[in-house]
Amino acid sequence: MTIYIGNLSFEAEEDDLRNIFDEYGKVSRISMPKDRETGKKRGFAFVEMDSDEEEEKAIETLDGAEWMGRIIKVNKAKPRENRRSGGDGFPRERARY
């Protein structure tokens, strides 16, 4: 399972996240996506921990907490959806004129 952390301060670094999540168990991976064009942080991150129990405890405790001046959103990450779909899971067809 992967944890999604949203509404992050743009000042947050991977070490900051590791320090917070280490309180709940062993962190195995952290990803902080950046904008492709600007290289700036996008304000969210993903954290993977060694066990589901550790992740659940972190989610329960940290969701809605104030951290670095912002109220963070912490929940289970959802699988990335295909961006080309029309919302119903089927690819959109281009209009032909």
C-alpha atoms as a PDB file:
ATOM      1  CA  MET A   1       0.000   0.000   0.000  1.00  0.00           C
ATOM      2  CA  THR A   2       1.108   3.531  -0.668  1.00  0.00           C
ATOM      3  CA  ILE A   3       0.147   6.627   1.315  1.00  0.00           C
ATOM      4  CA  TYR A   4      -0.776   9.882  -0.431  1.00  0.00           C
ATOM      5  CA  ILE A   5       0.076  13.139   1.381  1.00  0.00           C
ATOM      6  CA  GLY A   6      -1.596  16.223  -0.041  1.00  0.00           C
ATOM      7  CA  ASN A   7      -1.513  19.962   0.661  1.00  0.00           C
ATOM      8  CA  LEU A   8       2.174  19.779   1.541  1.00  0.00           C
ATOM      9  CA  SER A   9       4.207  22.882   2.138  1.00  0.00           C
ATOM     10  CA  PHE A  10       6.444  23.571  -0.837  1.00  0.00           C
ATOM     11  CA  GLU A  11       9.269  23.859   1.700  1.00  0.00           C
ATOM     12  CA  ALA A  12       8.901  20.175   2.747  1.00  0.00           C
ATOM     13  CA  GLU A  13      11.761  17.864   1.824  1.00  0.00           C
ATOM     14  CA  GLU A  14      12.043  14.061   1.736  1.00  0.00           C
ATOM     15  CA  ASP A  15      13.968  14.069   5.025  1.00  0.00           C
ATOM     16  CA  ASP A  16      11.137  16.026   6.682  1.00  0.00           C
ATOM     17  CA  LEU A  17       8.607  13.411   5.576  1.00  0.00           C
ATOM     18  CA  ARG A  18      10.881  10.554   6.615  1.00  0.00           C
ATOM     19  CA  ASN A  19      11.265  12.054  10.099  1.00  0.00           C
ATOM     20  CA  ILE A  20       7.478  12.314  10.547  1.00  0.00           C
ATOM     21  CA  PHE A  21       6.595   8.886   9.137  1.00  0.00           C
ATOM     22  CA  ASP A  22       9.491   7.107  10.921  1.00  0.00           C
ATOM     23  CA  GLU A  23       7.494   7.659  14.125  1.00  0.00           C
ATOM     24  CA  TYR A  24       4.956   5.105  12.818  1.00  0.00           C
ATOM     25  CA  GLY A  25       7.316   2.503  11.351  1.00  0.00           C
ATOM     26  CA  LYS A  26      10.006   1.895   8.774  1.00  0.00           C
ATOM     27  CA  VAL A  27       9.697   4.036   5.630  1.00  0.00           C
ATOM     28  CA  SER A  28      10.729   2.067   2.558  1.00  0.00           C
ATOM     29  CA  ARG A  29      10.241   4.740  -0.130  1.00  0.00           C
ATOM     30  CA  ILE A  30       9.295   8.402  -0.602  1.00  0.00           C
ATOM     31  CA  SER A  31       8.344  10.114  -3.844  1.00  0.00           C
ATOM     32  CA  MET A  32       7.802  13.877  -4.186  1.00  0.00           C
ATOM     33  CA  PRO A  33       6.715  14.564  -7.784  1.00  0.00           C
ATOM     34  CA  LYS A  34       7.861  17.741  -9.496  1.00  0.00           C
ATOM     35  CA  ASP A  35       6.334  19.676 -12.358  1.00  0.00           C
ATOM     36  CA  ARG A  36       7.893  18.553 -15.647  1.00  0.00           C
ATOM     37  CA  GLU A  37       8.179  22.039 -17.058  1.00  0.00           C
ATOM     38  CA  THR A  38       9.260  24.084 -14.035  1.00  0.00           C
ATOM     39  CA  GLY A  39      10.932  21.441 -11.846  1.00  0.00           C
ATOM     40  CA  LYS A  40       9.049  22.815  -8.827  1.00  0.00           C
ATOM     41  CA  LYS A  41       7.415  20.591  -6.233  1.00  0.00           C
ATOM     42  CA  ARG A  42       3.743  19.899  -6.837  1.00  0.00           C
ATOM     43  CA  GLY A  43       2.598  20.000  -3.195  1.00  0.00           C
ATOM     44  CA  PHE A  44       2.016  16.300  -2.656  1.00  0.00           C
ATOM     45  CA  ALA A  45       4.013  13.145  -1.996  1.00  0.00           C
ATOM     46  CA  PHE A  46       3.778   9.373  -1.691  1.00  0.00           C
ATOM     47  CA  VAL A  47       5.194   7.316   1.175  1.00  0.00           C
ATOM     48  CA  GLU A  48       5.538   3.540   1.352  1.00  0.00           C
ATOM     49  CA  MET A  49       6.086   1.779   4.659  1.00  0.00           C
ATOM     50  CA  ASP A  50       7.055  -1.801   5.488  1.00  0.00           C
ATOM     51  CA  SER A  51       3.648  -2.909   6.782  1.00  0.00           C
ATOM     52  CA  ASP A  52      -0.012  -2.104   6.227  1.00  0.00           C
ATOM     53  CA  GLU A  53      -0.486  -1.725   9.995  1.00  0.00           C
ATOM     54  CA  GLU A  54       2.180   0.988  10.163  1.00  0.00           C
ATOM     55  CA  GLU A  55       0.634   2.797   7.208  1.00  0.00           C
ATOM     56  CA  GLU A  56      -2.867   2.630   8.710  1.00  0.00           C
ATOM     57  CA  LYS A  57      -1.633   4.088  12.001  1.00  0.00           C
ATOM     58  CA  ALA A  58       0.153   6.928  10.191  1.00  0.00           C
ATOM     59  CA  ILE A  59      -2.965   7.698   8.118  1.00  0.00           C
ATOM     60  CA  GLU A  60      -5.258   7.713  11.158  1.00  0.00           C
ATOM     61  CA  THR A  61      -2.947   9.988  13.124  1.00  0.00           C
ATOM     62  CA  LEU A  62      -1.732  12.409  10.462  1.00  0.00           C
ATOM     63  CA  ASP A  63      -4.806  12.989   8.279  1.00  0.00           C
ATOM     64  CA  GLY A  64      -6.003  16.530   8.988  1.00  0.00           C
ATOM     65  CA  ALA A  65      -2.949  17.407  11.093  1.00  0.00           C
ATOM     66  CA  GLU A  66      -1.244  20.778  10.805  1.00  0.00           C
ATOM     67  CA  TRP A  67       2.310  20.405   9.547  1.00  0.00           C
ATOM     68  CA  MET A  68       4.640  23.149   8.373  1.00  0.00           C
ATOM     69  CA  GLY A  69       1.778  25.644   8.481  1.00  0.00           C
ATOM     70  CA  ARG A  70      -0.684  23.586   6.398  1.00  0.00           C
ATOM     71  CA  ILE A  71      -3.453  21.095   7.110  1.00  0.00           C
ATOM     72  CA  ILE A  72      -2.294  17.946   5.335  1.00  0.00           C
ATOM     73  CA  LYS A  73      -4.458  15.280   3.720  1.00  0.00           C
ATOM     74  CA  VAL A  74      -3.190  11.750   4.330  1.00  0.00           C
ATOM     75  CA  ASN A  75      -4.893   8.680   2.859  1.00  0.00           C
ATOM     76  CA  LYS A  76      -4.363   5.517   0.855  1.00  0.00           C
ATOM     77  CA  ALA A  77      -3.107   6.338  -2.610  1.00  0.00           C
ATOM     78  CA  LYS A  78      -5.452   5.430  -5.431  1.00  0.00           C
ATOM     79  CA  PRO A  79      -4.144   3.841  -8.620  1.00  0.00           C
ATOM     80  CA  ARG A  80      -3.415   6.351 -11.354  1.00  0.00           C
ATOM     81  CA  GLU A  81      -6.214   6.517 -13.868  1.00  0.00           C
ATOM     82  CA  ASN A  82      -5.698   6.509 -17.605  1.00  0.00           C
ATOM     83  CA  ARG A  83      -5.806  10.186 -18.552  1.00  0.00           C
ATOM     84  CA  ARG A  84      -7.150   9.458 -22.034  1.00  0.00           C
ATOM     85  CA  SER A  85     -10.348   7.879 -20.816  1.00  0.00           C
ATOM     86  CA  GLY A  86     -13.682   9.612 -20.881  1.00  0.00           C
ATOM     87  CA  GLY A  87     -14.297   8.941 -17.200  1.00  0.00           C
ATOM     88  CA  ASP A  88     -16.103   5.684 -17.920  1.00  0.00           C
ATOM     89  CA  GLY A  89     -12.903   3.710 -18.450  1.00  0.00           C
ATOM     90  CA  PHE A  90     -13.159   3.769 -22.232  1.00  0.00           C
ATOM     91  CA  PRO A  91     -10.827   5.833 -24.396  1.00  0.00           C
ATOM     92  CA  ARG A  92     -12.354   8.891 -25.983  1.00  0.00           C
ATOM     93  CA  GLU A  93     -12.584   8.933 -29.725  1.00  0.00           C
ATOM     94  CA  ARG A  94     -11.479  12.043 -31.517  1.00  0.00           C
ATOM     95  CA  ALA A  95     -14.135  13.906 -33.391  1.00  0.00           C
ATOM     96  CA  ARG A  96     -13.744  13.506 -37.118  1.00  0.00           C
ATOM     97  CA  TYR A  97     -14.783  16.347 -39.393  1.00  0.00           C
END
